[in-house]
Protein backbone atom coordinates (compact mmCIF):
# COMPACT_ATOMS: atom_id res chain seq x y z
CA MET A 1 108.22 40.75 106.65
CA GLU A 2 109.30 38.40 104.04
CA THR A 3 113.11 38.38 103.60
CA PRO A 4 114.45 40.81 101.04
CA TYR A 5 116.05 39.86 97.85
CA ILE A 6 119.63 41.38 98.49
CA ILE A 7 121.66 42.58 95.24
CA GLY A 8 125.47 43.65 95.59
CA ILE A 9 126.48 45.90 92.45
CA THR A 10 130.26 46.26 92.57
CA GLY A 11 133.24 47.31 89.66
CA GLY A 12 136.12 49.46 89.70
CA SER A 13 136.28 53.25 90.55
CA GLY A 14 134.93 54.98 87.30
CA SER A 15 133.18 51.90 86.09
CA GLY A 16 129.99 53.73 85.83
CA LYS A 17 128.39 52.33 88.95
CA THR A 18 126.49 55.41 90.23
CA ARG A 19 125.06 56.20 86.96
CA PHE A 20 123.74 52.52 86.12
CA LEU A 21 122.42 52.58 90.07
CA ASN A 22 120.51 55.88 89.13
CA SER A 23 118.79 54.44 85.68
CA LEU A 24 117.65 51.70 88.36
CA MET A 25 116.86 53.18 91.03
CA HIS A 26 114.31 56.19 89.38
CA HIS A 27 112.18 53.23 88.36
CA PHE A 28 111.51 52.42 92.24
CA THR A 29 110.36 54.18 95.52
CA ALA A 30 111.95 53.65 98.91
CA GLY A 31 109.38 51.50 99.97
CA GLU A 32 110.14 49.02 96.95
CA VAL A 33 113.94 49.17 97.28
CA CYS A 34 116.25 50.12 99.28
CA LEU A 35 120.05 51.52 98.19
CA ILE A 36 122.94 51.06 100.85
CA SER A 37 126.18 52.42 99.60
CA GLN A 38 129.66 51.60 100.69
CA ASP A 39 130.39 55.25 100.19
CA ASN A 40 128.87 56.22 103.41
CA TYR A 41 131.19 53.93 105.49
CA TYR A 42 134.39 55.63 104.98
CA ARG A 43 136.41 55.93 108.22
CA GLU A 44 137.48 59.38 109.78
CA ARG A 45 140.22 60.79 107.35
CA ASP A 46 142.53 60.53 110.87
CA GLN A 47 141.84 56.97 110.60
CA GLN A 48 142.96 56.29 106.84
CA PRO A 49 145.74 54.16 105.69
CA VAL A 50 148.85 56.51 104.30
CA ASP A 51 151.20 55.44 101.63
CA GLU A 52 155.16 55.66 101.47
CA GLN A 53 154.49 59.36 100.52
CA GLY A 54 152.49 60.25 103.19
CA VAL A 55 149.39 60.43 101.42
CA LYS A 56 145.85 59.13 102.71
CA ASN A 57 144.82 55.92 100.78
CA PHE A 58 141.24 55.88 100.75
CA ASP A 59 140.98 52.95 98.13
CA LEU A 60 141.87 50.00 100.62
CA PRO A 61 139.41 47.69 102.32
CA ALA A 62 140.99 49.15 105.72
CA SER A 63 139.35 52.59 104.33
CA ILE A 64 135.86 51.18 104.93
CA ASP A 65 134.12 50.27 108.40
CA PHE A 66 133.53 47.18 106.90
CA GLU A 67 131.96 45.88 110.29
CA ALA A 68 129.12 49.24 110.61
CA TYR A 69 128.24 48.34 106.85
CA LYS A 70 127.70 44.70 107.55
CA ASN A 71 125.39 45.59 110.70
CA ASP A 72 123.34 48.05 108.75
CA ILE A 73 122.84 45.22 105.87
CA MET A 74 121.63 42.81 108.54
CA ALA A 75 119.46 45.42 110.52
CA LEU A 76 117.66 46.24 107.22
CA LYS A 77 117.64 42.40 106.15
CA GLU A 78 115.88 42.07 109.45
CA GLY A 79 113.41 44.55 108.84
CA LYS A 80 114.90 47.70 110.83
CA GLU A 81 115.27 51.35 110.11
CA VAL A 82 119.02 52.44 109.52
CA THR A 83 120.34 55.89 109.97
CA ARG A 84 123.58 57.12 108.51
CA THR A 85 125.35 60.28 108.27
CA GLU A 86 126.32 60.89 104.67
CA TYR A 87 129.92 60.80 103.79
CA THR A 88 130.97 64.00 101.43
CA PHE A 89 134.70 62.81 100.65
CA ASN A 90 136.32 66.15 102.07
CA ASN A 91 134.06 68.47 99.72
CA PRO A 92 134.24 71.52 101.99
CA SER A 93 131.25 72.71 99.91
CA ALA A 94 128.74 69.91 100.72
CA THR A 95 126.73 69.62 104.10
CA PRO A 96 126.41 65.93 104.92
CA ARG A 97 122.80 65.26 105.37
CA GLU A 98 121.54 62.03 107.88
CA ILE A 99 120.24 59.39 105.75
CA THR A 100 117.31 56.93 106.78
CA LEU A 101 117.33 53.60 104.96
CA THR A 102 113.91 51.51 105.42
CA PRO A 103 113.40 47.98 104.87
CA ALA A 104 112.07 47.18 101.38
CA PRO A 105 111.46 43.94 99.39
CA VAL A 106 114.65 44.69 97.49
CA ILE A 107 117.80 45.92 98.94
CA VAL A 108 120.73 46.87 96.55
CA VAL A 109 124.12 46.92 98.08
CA GLU A 110 126.83 48.60 96.46
CA GLY A 111 130.27 49.54 96.75
CA ILE A 112 133.77 48.35 95.16
CA PHE A 113 134.50 45.98 97.84
CA VAL A 114 130.94 44.18 98.39
CA LEU A 115 132.02 41.19 96.88
CA TYR A 116 135.58 41.07 98.63
CA TYR A 117 134.30 41.11 102.03
CA ARG A 118 132.87 37.56 102.30
CA GLU A 119 130.28 38.39 105.28
CA ILE A 120 128.73 40.97 103.06
CA ALA A 121 129.46 38.61 99.70
CA ASP A 122 127.67 35.58 101.39
CA VAL A 123 124.34 37.40 101.95
CA LEU A 124 123.43 38.43 98.18
CA ASP A 125 121.25 37.06 96.33
CA LEU A 126 122.46 38.35 93.03
CA LYS A 127 125.95 39.70 92.15
CA VAL A 128 126.64 42.19 89.67
CA PHE A 129 129.75 43.60 88.13
CA ILE A 130 130.08 46.84 86.13
CA ASP A 131 132.79 46.67 83.79
CA ALA A 132 134.57 49.16 81.47
CA LYS A 133 138.28 49.74 79.91
CA ASP A 134 141.00 51.43 82.15
CA TYR A 135 141.36 54.64 80.08
CA ILE A 136 137.28 55.05 80.32
CA LYS A 137 137.51 54.47 84.05
CA LEU A 138 140.38 57.15 84.18
CA THR A 139 138.43 59.97 82.26
CA ARG A 140 135.39 59.04 84.22
CA ARG A 141 137.20 59.69 87.71
CA ILE A 142 139.01 62.78 86.62
CA ILE A 143 135.85 64.17 85.64
CA ARG A 144 133.98 63.20 89.00
CA ASP A 145 137.03 63.97 91.39
CA ASP A 146 137.12 67.48 89.69
CA GLN A 147 133.29 68.25 89.63
CA GLU A 148 132.37 66.53 93.00
CA ARG A 149 135.45 66.14 95.15
CA GLY A 150 137.52 69.12 94.33
CA TYR A 151 140.80 67.19 93.58
CA ASP A 152 143.58 68.53 91.15
CA LEU A 153 144.65 66.60 88.11
CA GLU A 154 147.91 65.67 89.63
CA ASP A 155 146.22 64.61 92.57
CA VAL A 156 143.64 62.37 90.91
CA LEU A 157 146.43 60.67 88.60
CA TYR A 158 148.72 60.18 91.48
CA ARG A 159 145.45 58.49 93.52
CA TYR A 160 144.99 56.25 89.99
CA GLN A 161 148.24 55.10 89.48
CA HIS A 162 149.26 54.21 92.95
CA HIS A 163 145.86 53.50 94.98
CA VAL A 164 143.02 52.86 92.44
CA MET A 165 144.57 50.46 90.22
CA PRO A 166 146.81 48.51 92.67
CA THR A 167 143.41 48.30 94.49
CA TYR A 168 141.63 47.28 91.46
CA GLU A 169 143.92 44.43 90.71
CA LYS A 170 143.97 42.98 94.16
CA TYR A 171 140.91 43.74 95.60
CA ILE A 172 138.30 43.85 93.04
CA LYS A 173 139.35 42.26 89.61
CA PRO A 174 139.76 38.73 91.18
CA TYR A 175 136.14 38.64 92.33
CA LYS A 176 135.01 39.47 89.13
CA GLN A 177 134.55 35.68 88.35
CA ASP A 178 132.03 35.65 91.25
CA ALA A 179 129.46 37.58 89.63
CA ASP A 180 126.26 36.36 88.26
CA LEU A 181 125.67 39.18 86.17
CA ILE A 182 128.72 41.18 84.31
CA VAL A 183 127.60 44.74 82.54
CA PRO A 184 130.12 46.13 80.02
CA ASN A 185 129.97 49.44 80.56
CA HIS A 186 132.16 50.73 77.86
CA ASN A 187 129.80 52.41 75.55
CA GLY A 188 126.40 52.14 77.60
CA TYR A 189 124.50 50.00 79.84
CA GLN A 190 121.09 50.84 78.96
CA GLN A 191 119.75 47.17 77.50
CA ALA A 192 121.23 45.84 80.84
CA ALA A 193 119.73 48.23 82.86
CA GLU A 194 116.24 47.54 81.40
CA VAL A 195 116.65 43.85 82.25
CA LEU A 196 117.85 44.33 85.56
CA THR A 197 114.99 46.80 86.13
CA ALA A 198 112.28 44.25 85.05
CA PHE A 199 113.89 41.44 86.92
CA ILE A 200 113.98 43.88 90.42
CA ARG A 201 110.12 44.92 89.61
CA ASP A 202 109.38 41.29 89.60
CA LYS A 203 111.21 40.93 92.78
CA VAL A 204 109.18 43.65 94.31
CA ARG A 205 106.15 42.39 93.56
CA GLN A 206 107.02 39.01 95.08
CA GLY A 207 107.68 40.72 98.21
CA LYS A 208 104.40 43.01 98.46
CA THR A 209 102.39 39.60 97.55
CA ALA A 210 104.08 37.82 100.20
CA LYS A 211 103.28 40.61 103.10
């Protein structure tokens, strides 16, 4: 198998990474593009760091099992299939699925720490940073955590102030300068998504031709 082209997509919580990714992925089959998300590599709740108020902090690099994440990325790069149990963010109404990731000409690596963790950043061929203003990210976070994770407003605001923003300033924003492509997502991302979709389609074509 030809070595796949690996794209890293990152940005702060609430920047719109998921919507941007969905706008890309619906153009491709699983055999063309493989998406591996950092969200499925959170450590178990009893292994999560706790802040000074006793609140579990899921927004630190220590929250993620980077070794497992890195190993699965490398396995996909080497043409091996990967299985992983979906992480459901403590949502009692969600039933975790068994996820099977298959090797593809293009691998998309997604997560807030993909540029921070050097061993992952070093294997990326293209680094994309999704950017958005702070108040927009907060609004999106409030809506998402209510609808998808069952967090109340007080909990969301506490975590945003004490966990999300400090993490963004320390572990995410400094690596924005390392990105090859910065996508401003204040009012929309359609043109950027179309450009990246065309680029990925070309990489998929090259990968299939090389077989």
